Structure formats: structure tokens, C-alpha cells
Amino acid sequence: MTIEQRAVQVGDFTFDVRIGTPDDAPKPKGKKKIYLPTVLLLHGFPHNSDCFDDVVPRLLDAGLRTVVFNQRGYSAGARPDGVDSYLLTHLVSDVIGMLDALDLSHVLLVGHDLGGLVAWHVAAKHPQRLNGLVTVSVGHPSAISDALRESDDQRKRSSYIKMFTAVGSEDKLLADNADLLRRMGLPADSIPPLQEPGALAAAMNWYRAIFTGDIAGKLACGPIEVPTTMIWSDQDVALGREQAEMTGRYVYSDYRFCELNGVDHWIPEKAPAAVASEVALRSSPF
């Protein structure tokens, strides 16, 4: 397998991208294109695309090409000022722009945490660009709205968002050598990138852009009409069972729900084999 690092221009921004190619991938002859099943993986908060480091090799071994990139706010060349720069409409446009920049007509899309939220919106708005969808931890946005409205448990689990959206919250998270981030269970090697000037503030702007004001309106998402898998873990402290189990009502295509027992929120790092297995299963037939 080979991993190629690229700086990819999408609009006014430059994103840090890694493209993985299986060892047995066919080689193009002349100008003729060779189609290779491709998986695009979207990270969540507060870690970057490194969260998939143990997932990607397994996908490559399964014969799938992989693309991971540090999204808006996480790539130094894609770190605009202002909360409104991180609205879901922009995050979705980044994904479609990345597909266009890499000349990918369609992919299997995977998203964890807030990357999963973006993935749901990509699937709803651009189903023709996807072969399938795998979301990790985060249910359909309308299911999340339902759970926040109907479930005391989910409202309690989501209470941390108030702190995340507060002005200066990044300073609290970075204090004492990022003690709060470490206590959240974030892998130690994910901390240094967030200590770069402006990096965590940009990452927090995802929360400020999405989870303030008309939250239900911002989360609003149409039904999903591509084959979909959702992976949820029963030890997730932030995202409860209600939003996971209500997700199926918003998928109007083949749907699979995978529950992992004894795993916390950080599924790509804690259960990479399970993630890769579900992605490979969803990719066949591609």
C-alpha cells in the first residue's frame, strides 16, 4: 500500500490530504482512467484525520482506495476567521469541492462525530455523488433533533455544548497543557495540532456555527436515499441510544445499524477493525 500526501486547493483554501492506494490497484494505461472504489473519511471534533490511522490500512487491505483530509479549521491553509465560515453549508461544499478537485465522481462516505453530521448533509443534498454512507456515533440530524426534544437523557448528554459554544472556551480546554482535552479521552498525539495558534478556536467554531441560534433549523436534513450504515457504541457519553435508534426512520434505502458493546465515543481509535469491517461490507457491491 502507498500513502500520498497532498496539498489540495478547494476554492480559496488549501487542505492537507492523504490518499491511500492498495498494492494491487490496477495501473492506468496512457490517458485511460482506471476506476478504483474509493472511501472518503471525515473526522470529527477535536481530532483531525489522524483518527483514522488504524482504519485506513484495513480498508487498503480490503482493496479500497482511501482519502482523508483535515477539514476546515484543521488544515492551516483552510482556517478562515468568523463563526459563519463554519456553517454546515460551507463544510458540505468543502467535501463536494474535494471530490471535484480529486476528480472523484462518487465515493463511499464515512464520517465520525461532527464529520458524521457533515456526511449526513452531504448524503441528503448530493446523493448522486455517493455509493453509500457510513456514519459513526452521530445519528441522522433529524433524529438528533428528535432526541433533544424528547429525551431528558440526550439533553443531559449534550449539556457540554453550552461550554463549547461559549466565547473563550478554547482557552479553558488548552489550560494546564490541555488537561480538559486529555480528560475527554482524546489520544495524546491529537493534542499538539490543537495547540497551534488559532487551531482550537477554529475547531470550536464548528460548534458555535451549528449549535447556537436556530439549532433545529441548522440541523434540518432531508431523508437519505443512499445505502447507509450507522455505527454506535453503548458507552458513548455524548450521544445516546435514542438518537441512534431513531435514525432508521430517516433512511429510505438499505439501512444497517451496528451497535458496539463496551466501546466509548472514540470508535475509530478504539474499534478500528469494526469500523473497517462495516465500511468494507457497505462497499460490496460497490
C-alpha atoms as a PDB file:
ATOM      1  CA  MET A   1       0.000   0.000   0.000  1.00  0.00           C
ATOM      2  CA  THR A   2       1.091   3.562  -0.587  1.00  0.00           C
ATOM      3  CA  ILE A   3       0.056   6.780   1.181  1.00  0.00           C
ATOM      4  CA  GLU A   4       0.458  10.011  -0.768  1.00  0.00           C
ATOM      5  CA  GLN A   5       0.312  13.357   0.988  1.00  0.00           C
ATOM      6  CA  ARG A   6      -1.056  16.280  -0.990  1.00  0.00           C
ATOM      7  CA  ALA A   7      -1.996  19.908  -0.529  1.00  0.00           C
ATOM      8  CA  VAL A   8      -5.293  20.219  -2.395  1.00  0.00           C
ATOM      9  CA  GLN A   9      -6.808  23.541  -3.404  1.00  0.00           C
ATOM     10  CA  VAL A  10     -10.574  23.855  -2.964  1.00  0.00           C
ATOM     11  CA  GLY A  11     -11.842  27.350  -3.642  1.00  0.00           C
ATOM     12  CA  ASP A  12      -9.783  29.799  -1.596  1.00  0.00           C
ATOM     13  CA  PHE A  13      -8.452  27.150   0.770  1.00  0.00           C
ATOM     14  CA  THR A  14      -5.701  24.541   0.794  1.00  0.00           C
ATOM     15  CA  PHE A  15      -6.398  21.276   2.593  1.00  0.00           C
ATOM     16  CA  ASP A  16      -3.964  18.674   3.904  1.00  0.00           C
ATOM     17  CA  VAL A  17      -4.922  15.402   2.212  1.00  0.00           C
ATOM     18  CA  ARG A  18      -3.678  11.818   2.346  1.00  0.00           C
ATOM     19  CA  ILE A  19      -4.606   9.344  -0.370  1.00  0.00           C
ATOM     20  CA  GLY A  20      -4.093   5.639   0.185  1.00  0.00           C
ATOM     21  CA  THR A  21      -3.815   3.169  -2.690  1.00  0.00           C
ATOM     22  CA  PRO A  22      -3.849  -0.635  -2.315  1.00  0.00           C
ATOM     23  CA  ASP A  23      -0.782  -2.528  -3.502  1.00  0.00           C
ATOM     24  CA  ASP A  24      -2.758  -4.471  -6.085  1.00  0.00           C
ATOM     25  CA  ALA A  25      -4.523  -1.432  -7.560  1.00  0.00           C
ATOM     26  CA  PRO A  26      -4.590  -1.565 -11.377  1.00  0.00           C
ATOM     27  CA  LYS A  27      -2.290   0.886 -13.144  1.00  0.00           C
ATOM     28  CA  PRO A  28      -3.737   3.270 -15.754  1.00  0.00           C
ATOM     29  CA  LYS A  29      -2.537   2.829 -19.323  1.00  0.00           C
ATOM     30  CA  GLY A  30      -1.994   6.051 -21.225  1.00  0.00           C
ATOM     31  CA  LYS A  31      -4.833   8.521 -20.664  1.00  0.00           C
ATOM     32  CA  LYS A  32      -7.398   5.859 -19.885  1.00  0.00           C
ATOM     33  CA  LYS A  33      -8.830   6.168 -16.376  1.00  0.00           C
ATOM     34  CA  ILE A  34      -8.942   3.215 -14.035  1.00  0.00           C
ATOM     35  CA  TYR A  35     -11.900   3.173 -11.641  1.00  0.00           C
ATOM     36  CA  LEU A  36     -10.961   2.197  -8.107  1.00  0.00           C
ATOM     37  CA  PRO A  37     -13.550   2.040  -5.308  1.00  0.00           C
ATOM     38  CA  THR A  38     -12.804   4.972  -3.036  1.00  0.00           C
ATOM     39  CA  VAL A  39     -13.709   5.753   0.561  1.00  0.00           C
ATOM     40  CA  LEU A  40     -13.636   9.365   1.806  1.00  0.00           C
ATOM     41  CA  LEU A  41     -13.430   9.615   5.601  1.00  0.00           C
ATOM     42  CA  LEU A  42     -14.420  12.746   7.564  1.00  0.00           C
ATOM     43  CA  HIS A  43     -13.059  13.272  11.067  1.00  0.00           C
ATOM     44  CA  GLY A  44     -14.901  14.912  13.946  1.00  0.00           C
ATOM     45  CA  PHE A  45     -14.055  17.180  16.867  1.00  0.00           C
ATOM     46  CA  PRO A  46     -11.490  17.726  18.229  1.00  0.00           C
ATOM     47  CA  HIS A  47      -9.149  15.373  16.400  1.00  0.00           C
ATOM     48  CA  ASN A  48      -8.023  15.598  12.787  1.00  0.00           C
ATOM     49  CA  SER A  49      -7.856  12.915  10.106  1.00  0.00           C
ATOM     50  CA  ASP A  50      -5.224  11.027  12.117  1.00  0.00           C
ATOM     51  CA  CYS A  51      -8.145   9.442  13.972  1.00  0.00           C
ATOM     52  CA  PHE A  52      -8.486   7.055  11.024  1.00  0.00           C
ATOM     53  CA  ASP A  53      -4.848   5.929  11.083  1.00  0.00           C
ATOM     54  CA  ASP A  54      -5.791   2.426  12.246  1.00  0.00           C
ATOM     55  CA  VAL A  55      -8.832   2.206   9.952  1.00  0.00           C
ATOM     56  CA  VAL A  56      -7.153   3.174   6.672  1.00  0.00           C
ATOM     57  CA  PRO A  57      -4.658   0.248   6.444  1.00  0.00           C
ATOM     58  CA  ARG A  58      -7.507  -2.218   6.925  1.00  0.00           C
ATOM     59  CA  LEU A  59      -9.500  -0.600   4.121  1.00  0.00           C
ATOM     60  CA  LEU A  60      -6.458  -0.664   1.853  1.00  0.00           C
ATOM     61  CA  ASP A  61      -6.002  -4.357   2.634  1.00  0.00           C
ATOM     62  CA  ALA A  62      -9.623  -4.806   1.543  1.00  0.00           C
ATOM     63  CA  GLY A  63      -8.771  -3.299  -1.844  1.00  0.00           C
ATOM     64  CA  LEU A  64     -10.322   0.124  -1.261  1.00  0.00           C
ATOM     65  CA  ARG A  65      -8.645   3.433  -2.038  1.00  0.00           C
ATOM     66  CA  THR A  66      -8.893   5.909   0.849  1.00  0.00           C
ATOM     67  CA  VAL A  67      -8.958   9.680   1.099  1.00  0.00           C
ATOM     68  CA  VAL A  68      -8.700  11.537   4.399  1.00  0.00           C
ATOM     69  CA  PHE A  69      -8.251  15.259   4.847  1.00  0.00           C
ATOM     70  CA  ASN A  70      -8.035  17.766   7.668  1.00  0.00           C
ATOM     71  CA  GLN A  71     -11.237  19.712   7.277  1.00  0.00           C
ATOM     72  CA  ARG A  72     -11.978  23.420   7.523  1.00  0.00           C
ATOM     73  CA  GLY A  73     -10.275  24.819  10.621  1.00  0.00           C
ATOM     74  CA  TYR A  74      -7.979  21.812  10.947  1.00  0.00           C
ATOM     75  CA  SER A  75      -5.816  22.456   7.870  1.00  0.00           C
ATOM     76  CA  ALA A  76      -3.616  25.506   8.394  1.00  0.00           C
ATOM     77  CA  GLY A  77      -4.420  26.654   4.853  1.00  0.00           C
ATOM     78  CA  ALA A  78      -8.175  26.405   5.461  1.00  0.00           C
ATOM     79  CA  ARG A  79      -8.678  28.315   8.690  1.00  0.00           C
ATOM     80  CA  PRO A  80     -10.900  31.322   7.960  1.00  0.00           C
ATOM     81  CA  ASP A  81     -11.950  33.850  10.576  1.00  0.00           C
ATOM     82  CA  GLY A  82     -15.522  34.219  11.753  1.00  0.00           C
ATOM     83  CA  VAL A  83     -18.067  31.759  13.101  1.00  0.00           C
ATOM     84  CA  ASP A  84     -20.233  31.885   9.969  1.00  0.00           C
ATOM     85  CA  SER A  85     -17.332  30.479   7.955  1.00  0.00           C
ATOM     86  CA  TYR A  86     -18.034  27.141   9.654  1.00  0.00           C
ATOM     87  CA  LEU A  87     -21.718  26.743   8.846  1.00  0.00           C
ATOM     88  CA  LEU A  88     -22.755  23.322   7.587  1.00  0.00           C
ATOM     89  CA  THR A  89     -23.323  24.689   4.088  1.00  0.00           C
ATOM     90  CA  HIS A  90     -19.619  25.552   3.844  1.00  0.00           C
ATOM     91  CA  LEU A  91     -18.494  22.230   5.335  1.00  0.00           C
ATOM     92  CA  VAL A  92     -20.637  20.339   2.832  1.00  0.00           C
ATOM     93  CA  SER A  93     -19.276  22.458  -0.025  1.00  0.00           C
ATOM     94  CA  ASP A  94     -15.732  21.602   1.071  1.00  0.00           C
ATOM     95  CA  VAL A  95     -16.495  17.893   0.687  1.00  0.00           C
ATOM     96  CA  ILE A  96     -18.002  18.288  -2.772  1.00  0.00           C
ATOM     97  CA  GLY A  97     -15.145  20.581  -3.755  1.00  0.00           C
ATOM     98  CA  MET A  98     -12.673  17.937  -2.598  1.00  0.00           C
ATOM     99  CA  LEU A  99     -14.369  15.294  -4.747  1.00  0.00           C
ATOM    100  CA  ASP A 100     -14.193  17.624  -7.736  1.00  0.00           C
ATOM    101  CA  ALA A 101     -10.558  18.555  -7.090  1.00  0.00           C
ATOM    102  CA  LEU A 102      -9.586  14.873  -6.932  1.00  0.00           C
ATOM    103  CA  ASP A 103     -11.745  14.014  -9.970  1.00  0.00           C
ATOM    104  CA  LEU A 104     -13.858  11.592  -7.956  1.00  0.00           C
ATOM    105  CA  SER A 105     -17.335  11.250  -9.417  1.00  0.00           C
ATOM    106  CA  HIS A 106     -18.622   9.294  -6.425  1.00  0.00           C
ATOM    107  CA  VAL A 107     -17.347   7.708  -3.216  1.00  0.00           C
ATOM    108  CA  LEU A 108     -18.404   5.759  -0.172  1.00  0.00           C
ATOM    109  CA  LEU A 109     -18.560   8.461   2.510  1.00  0.00           C
ATOM    110  CA  VAL A 110     -17.640   7.811   6.148  1.00  0.00           C
ATOM    111  CA  GLY A 111     -17.995  10.363   8.944  1.00  0.00           C
ATOM    112  CA  HIS A 112     -17.365  10.290  12.690  1.00  0.00           C
ATOM    113  CA  ASP A 113     -18.696  12.752  15.280  1.00  0.00           C
ATOM    114  CA  LEU A 114     -19.213  16.174  13.644  1.00  0.00           C
ATOM    115  CA  GLY A 115     -17.753  14.691  10.477  1.00  0.00           C
ATOM    116  CA  GLY A 116     -20.727  12.347  10.590  1.00  0.00           C
ATOM    117  CA  LEU A 117     -23.061  15.320  10.806  1.00  0.00           C
ATOM    118  CA  VAL A 118     -21.444  16.740   7.668  1.00  0.00           C
ATOM    119  CA  ALA A 119     -21.694  13.337   5.988  1.00  0.00           C
ATOM    120  CA  TRP A 120     -25.462  13.137   6.611  1.00  0.00           C
ATOM    121  CA  HIS A 121     -25.942  16.536   4.960  1.00  0.00           C
ATOM    122  CA  VAL A 122     -23.739  15.586   2.000  1.00  0.00           C
ATOM    123  CA  ALA A 123     -25.815  12.437   1.515  1.00  0.00           C
ATOM    124  CA  ALA A 124     -29.097  14.347   1.693  1.00  0.00           C
ATOM    125  CA  LYS A 125     -28.040  17.132  -0.674  1.00  0.00           C
ATOM    126  CA  HIS A 126     -25.735  15.263  -3.092  1.00  0.00           C
ATOM    127  CA  PRO A 127     -26.836  11.606  -3.182  1.00  0.00           C
ATOM    128  CA  GLN A 128     -25.595  11.255  -6.769  1.00  0.00           C
ATOM    129  CA  ARG A 129     -22.015  11.659  -5.507  1.00  0.00           C
ATOM    130  CA  LEU A 130     -22.231   8.729  -3.088  1.00  0.00           C
ATOM    131  CA  ASN A 131     -22.180   4.970  -3.468  1.00  0.00           C
ATOM    132  CA  GLY A 132     -23.068   4.664   0.189  1.00  0.00           C
ATOM    133  CA  LEU A 133     -22.801   6.235   3.622  1.00  0.00           C
ATOM    134  CA  VAL A 134     -21.332   5.043   6.922  1.00  0.00           C
ATOM    135  CA  THR A 135     -21.773   7.304   9.942  1.00  0.00           C
ATOM    136  CA  VAL A 136     -20.059   6.667  13.243  1.00  0.00           C
ATOM    137  CA  SER A 137     -21.600   7.756  16.572  1.00  0.00           C
ATOM    138  CA  VAL A 138     -23.809  10.510  15.136  1.00  0.00           C
ATOM    139  CA  GLY A 139     -27.352   9.717  14.044  1.00  0.00           C
ATOM    140  CA  HIS A 140     -29.346  11.463  11.353  1.00  0.00           C
ATOM    141  CA  PRO A 141     -29.589  15.180  12.234  1.00  0.00           C
ATOM    142  CA  SER A 142     -33.389  14.992  12.459  1.00  0.00           C
ATOM    143  CA  ALA A 143     -33.047  12.064  14.870  1.00  0.00           C
ATOM    144  CA  ILE A 144     -30.724  14.195  16.987  1.00  0.00           C
ATOM    145  CA  SER A 145     -33.310  16.994  16.988  1.00  0.00           C
ATOM    146  CA  ASP A 146     -35.980  14.460  17.977  1.00  0.00           C
ATOM    147  CA  ALA A 147     -33.833  13.170  20.827  1.00  0.00           C
ATOM    148  CA  LEU A 148     -33.015  16.656  22.092  1.00  0.00           C
ATOM    149  CA  ARG A 149     -36.718  17.481  22.115  1.00  0.00           C
ATOM    150  CA  GLU A 150     -37.999  14.205  23.587  1.00  0.00           C
ATOM    151  CA  SER A 151     -35.209  12.755  25.729  1.00  0.00           C
ATOM    152  CA  ASP A 152     -34.020  14.102  29.078  1.00  0.00           C
ATOM    153  CA  ASP A 153     -31.095  11.721  28.755  1.00  0.00           C
ATOM    154  CA  GLN A 154     -29.912  13.223  25.460  1.00  0.00           C
ATOM    155  CA  ARG A 155     -30.346  16.776  26.727  1.00  0.00           C
ATOM    156  CA  LYS A 156     -28.163  15.881  29.708  1.00  0.00           C
ATOM    157  CA  ARG A 157     -25.570  14.256  27.463  1.00  0.00           C
ATOM    158  CA  SER A 158     -25.500  17.365  25.253  1.00  0.00           C
ATOM    159  CA  SER A 159     -25.087  19.835  28.110  1.00  0.00           C
ATOM    160  CA  TYR A 160     -21.370  20.156  27.339  1.00  0.00           C
ATOM    161  CA  ILE A 161     -22.252  22.045  24.148  1.00  0.00           C
ATOM    162  CA  LYS A 162     -23.067  25.176  26.171  1.00  0.00           C
ATOM    163  CA  MET A 163     -19.460  25.336  27.353  1.00  0.00           C
ATOM    164  CA  PHE A 164     -18.090  24.575  23.885  1.00  0.00           C
ATOM    165  CA  THR A 165     -20.024  27.423  22.277  1.00  0.00           C
ATOM    166  CA  ALA A 166     -19.031  29.976  24.914  1.00  0.00           C
ATOM    167  CA  VAL A 167     -16.577  32.711  23.995  1.00  0.00           C
ATOM    168  CA  GLY A 168     -13.059  31.741  25.045  1.00  0.00           C
ATOM    169  CA  SER A 169     -13.884  28.064  25.637  1.00  0.00           C
ATOM    170  CA  GLU A 170     -10.754  27.076  23.713  1.00  0.00           C
ATOM    171  CA  ASP A 171      -8.640  28.756  26.396  1.00  0.00           C
ATOM    172  CA  LYS A 172     -10.221  26.556  29.065  1.00  0.00           C
ATOM    173  CA  LEU A 173      -9.627  23.436  27.016  1.00  0.00           C
ATOM    174  CA  LEU A 174      -5.985  24.325  26.414  1.00  0.00           C
ATOM    175  CA  ALA A 175      -5.234  25.374  30.002  1.00  0.00           C
ATOM    176  CA  ASP A 176      -2.852  23.265  32.059  1.00  0.00           C
ATOM    177  CA  ASN A 177      -1.365  21.605  28.974  1.00  0.00           C
ATOM    178  CA  ALA A 178      -4.815  20.794  27.572  1.00  0.00           C
ATOM    179  CA  ASP A 179      -5.866  18.937  30.696  1.00  0.00           C
ATOM    180  CA  LEU A 180      -9.592  19.027  29.828  1.00  0.00           C
ATOM    181  CA  LEU A 181      -8.976  17.641  26.352  1.00  0.00           C
ATOM    182  CA  ARG A 182      -6.910  14.829  27.811  1.00  0.00           C
ATOM    183  CA  ARG A 183      -9.646  14.024  30.324  1.00  0.00           C
ATOM    184  CA  MET A 184     -12.136  13.809  27.444  1.00  0.00           C
ATOM    185  CA  GLY A 185     -10.149  10.767  26.334  1.00  0.00           C
ATOM    186  CA  LEU A 186      -8.539  12.409  23.321  1.00  0.00           C
ATOM    187  CA  PRO A 187      -5.415  10.477  22.269  1.00  0.00           C
ATOM    188  CA  ALA A 188      -2.245  12.251  23.356  1.00  0.00           C
ATOM    189  CA  ASP A 189      -0.886  12.609  19.820  1.00  0.00           C
ATOM    190  CA  SER A 190      -4.029  14.556  18.834  1.00  0.00           C
ATOM    191  CA  ILE A 191      -3.242  17.360  21.279  1.00  0.00           C
ATOM    192  CA  PRO A 192      -0.240  19.146  19.636  1.00  0.00           C
ATOM    193  CA  PRO A 193      -2.084  20.102  16.405  1.00  0.00           C
ATOM    194  CA  LEU A 194      -4.762  21.786  18.517  1.00  0.00           C
ATOM    195  CA  GLN A 195      -2.128  23.834  20.331  1.00  0.00           C
ATOM    196  CA  GLU A 196      -1.129  25.581  17.108  1.00  0.00           C
ATOM    197  CA  PRO A 197      -2.184  29.264  17.099  1.00  0.00           C
ATOM    198  CA  GLY A 198      -5.845  29.573  16.185  1.00  0.00           C
ATOM    199  CA  ALA A 199      -6.369  25.846  15.596  1.00  0.00           C
ATOM    200  CA  LEU A 200      -8.669  25.012  18.506  1.00  0.00           C
ATOM    201  CA  ALA A 201     -10.595  28.282  18.138  1.00  0.00           C
ATOM    202  CA  ALA A 202     -11.337  27.336  14.530  1.00  0.00           C
ATOM    203  CA  ALA A 203     -12.382  23.837  15.563  1.00  0.00           C
ATOM    204  CA  MET A 204     -14.683  25.256  18.248  1.00  0.00           C
ATOM    205  CA  ASN A 205     -16.293  27.441  15.612  1.00  0.00           C
ATOM    206  CA  TRP A 206     -17.951  24.315  14.218  1.00  0.00           C
ATOM    207  CA  TYR A 207     -19.951  24.153  17.463  1.00  0.00           C
ATOM    208  CA  ARG A 208     -20.599  27.883  17.540  1.00  0.00           C
ATOM    209  CA  ALA A 209     -21.835  27.876  13.952  1.00  0.00           C
ATOM    210  CA  ILE A 210     -24.078  24.816  14.283  1.00  0.00           C
ATOM    211  CA  PHE A 211     -25.279  24.747  17.905  1.00  0.00           C
ATOM    212  CA  THR A 212     -26.331  28.354  18.535  1.00  0.00           C
ATOM    213  CA  GLY A 213     -29.422  30.229  17.398  1.00  0.00           C
ATOM    214  CA  ASP A 214     -31.904  28.122  15.437  1.00  0.00           C
ATOM    215  CA  ILE A 215     -30.273  24.774  16.165  1.00  0.00           C
ATOM    216  CA  ALA A 216     -33.147  22.669  14.816  1.00  0.00           C
ATOM    217  CA  GLY A 217     -33.162  24.718  11.623  1.00  0.00           C
ATOM    218  CA  LYS A 218     -29.419  24.335  11.172  1.00  0.00           C
ATOM    219  CA  LEU A 219     -29.574  20.591  11.784  1.00  0.00           C
ATOM    220  CA  ALA A 220     -32.582  20.135   9.475  1.00  0.00           C
ATOM    221  CA  CYS A 221     -31.709  17.479   6.917  1.00  0.00           C
ATOM    222  CA  GLY A 222     -33.708  15.653   4.289  1.00  0.00           C
ATOM    223  CA  PRO A 223     -34.198  11.894   4.067  1.00  0.00           C
ATOM    224  CA  ILE A 224     -31.320   9.705   2.953  1.00  0.00           C
ATOM    225  CA  GLU A 225     -31.729   7.750  -0.258  1.00  0.00           C
ATOM    226  CA  VAL A 226     -28.347   6.015  -0.455  1.00  0.00           C
ATOM    227  CA  PRO A 227     -27.430   2.687   1.222  1.00  0.00           C
ATOM    228  CA  THR A 228     -26.462   3.566   4.791  1.00  0.00           C
ATOM    229  CA  THR A 229     -24.808   2.043   7.833  1.00  0.00           C
ATOM    230  CA  MET A 230     -24.743   3.630  11.258  1.00  0.00           C
ATOM    231  CA  ILE A 231     -22.247   2.515  13.908  1.00  0.00           C
ATOM    232  CA  TRP A 232     -22.994   3.454  17.515  1.00  0.00           C
ATOM    233  CA  SER A 233     -21.336   2.416  20.784  1.00  0.00           C
ATOM    234  CA  ASP A 234     -23.173   1.843  24.035  1.00  0.00           C
ATOM    235  CA  GLN A 235     -20.548   3.600  26.171  1.00  0.00           C
ATOM    236  CA  ASP A 236     -20.770   6.906  24.277  1.00  0.00           C
ATOM    237  CA  VAL A 237     -21.280   9.614  26.899  1.00  0.00           C
ATOM    238  CA  ALA A 238     -22.307  12.320  24.414  1.00  0.00           C
ATOM    239  CA  LEU A 239     -24.672  10.553  22.019  1.00  0.00           C
ATOM    240  CA  GLY A 240     -27.342   8.332  23.485  1.00  0.00           C
ATOM    241  CA  ARG A 241     -29.362   5.389  22.285  1.00  0.00           C
ATOM    242  CA  GLU A 242     -32.444   7.407  21.321  1.00  0.00           C
ATOM    243  CA  GLN A 243     -30.787   9.361  18.515  1.00  0.00           C
ATOM    244  CA  ALA A 244     -29.142   6.173  17.282  1.00  0.00           C
ATOM    245  CA  GLU A 245     -32.298   4.073  17.211  1.00  0.00           C
ATOM    246  CA  MET A 246     -34.471   6.815  15.686  1.00  0.00           C
ATOM    247  CA  THR A 247     -32.089   7.263  12.762  1.00  0.00           C
ATOM    248  CA  GLY A 248     -33.550   4.452  10.689  1.00  0.00           C
ATOM    249  CA  ARG A 249     -36.814   6.323  10.182  1.00  0.00           C
ATOM    250  CA  TYR A 250     -34.933   8.890   8.055  1.00  0.00           C
ATOM    251  CA  VAL A 251     -33.165   6.441   5.735  1.00  0.00           C
ATOM    252  CA  TYR A 252     -35.206   5.488   2.662  1.00  0.00           C
ATOM    253  CA  SER A 253     -32.695   2.966   1.337  1.00  0.00           C
ATOM    254  CA  ASP A 254     -30.954  -0.170   2.558  1.00  0.00           C
ATOM    255  CA  TYR A 255     -30.065   0.503   6.199  1.00  0.00           C
ATOM    256  CA  ARG A 256     -27.898  -1.319   8.701  1.00  0.00           C
ATOM    257  CA  PHE A 257     -27.482  -0.423  12.389  1.00  0.00           C
ATOM    258  CA  CYS A 258     -24.348  -1.719  14.128  1.00  0.00           C
ATOM    259  CA  GLU A 259     -24.089  -1.444  17.908  1.00  0.00           C
ATOM    260  CA  LEU A 260     -20.682  -1.874  19.549  1.00  0.00           C
ATOM    261  CA  ASN A 261     -20.673  -3.020  23.155  1.00  0.00           C
ATOM    262  CA  GLY A 262     -18.191  -1.684  25.695  1.00  0.00           C
ATOM    263  CA  VAL A 263     -16.752   0.997  23.393  1.00  0.00           C
ATOM    264  CA  ASP A 264     -16.792   4.717  24.151  1.00  0.00           C
ATOM    265  CA  HIS A 265     -17.217   7.683  21.782  1.00  0.00           C
ATOM    266  CA  TRP A 266     -13.776   7.367  20.144  1.00  0.00           C
ATOM    267  CA  ILE A 267     -14.771   4.474  17.905  1.00  0.00           C
ATOM    268  CA  PRO A 268     -12.241   4.896  15.039  1.00  0.00           C
ATOM    269  CA  GLU A 269      -9.348   4.704  17.512  1.00  0.00           C
ATOM    270  CA  LYS A 270     -10.858   2.169  19.926  1.00  0.00           C
ATOM    271  CA  ALA A 271     -12.537  -0.176  17.413  1.00  0.00           C
ATOM    272  CA  PRO A 272     -10.827   0.339  14.038  1.00  0.00           C
ATOM    273  CA  ALA A 273     -11.357  -3.256  12.940  1.00  0.00           C
ATOM    274  CA  ALA A 274     -15.110  -2.965  13.473  1.00  0.00           C
ATOM    275  CA  VAL A 275     -15.262   0.319  11.540  1.00  0.00           C
ATOM    276  CA  ALA A 276     -13.236  -1.093   8.662  1.00  0.00           C
ATOM    277  CA  SER A 277     -15.364  -4.237   8.582  1.00  0.00           C
ATOM    278  CA  GLU A 278     -18.604  -2.265   8.350  1.00  0.00           C
ATOM    279  CA  VAL A 279     -17.183   0.043   5.681  1.00  0.00           C
ATOM    280  CA  ALA A 280     -15.960  -2.910   3.626  1.00  0.00           C
ATOM    281  CA  LEU A 281     -19.351  -4.581   3.998  1.00  0.00           C
ATOM    282  CA  ARG A 282     -21.121  -1.418   2.816  1.00  0.00           C
ATOM    283  CA  SER A 283     -18.703  -1.129  -0.106  1.00  0.00           C
ATOM    284  CA  SER A 284     -19.702  -4.516  -1.520  1.00  0.00           C
ATOM    285  CA  PRO A 285     -21.088  -4.440  -4.096  1.00  0.00           C
ATOM    286  CA  PHE A 286     -19.529  -1.088  -4.878  1.00  0.00           C
END
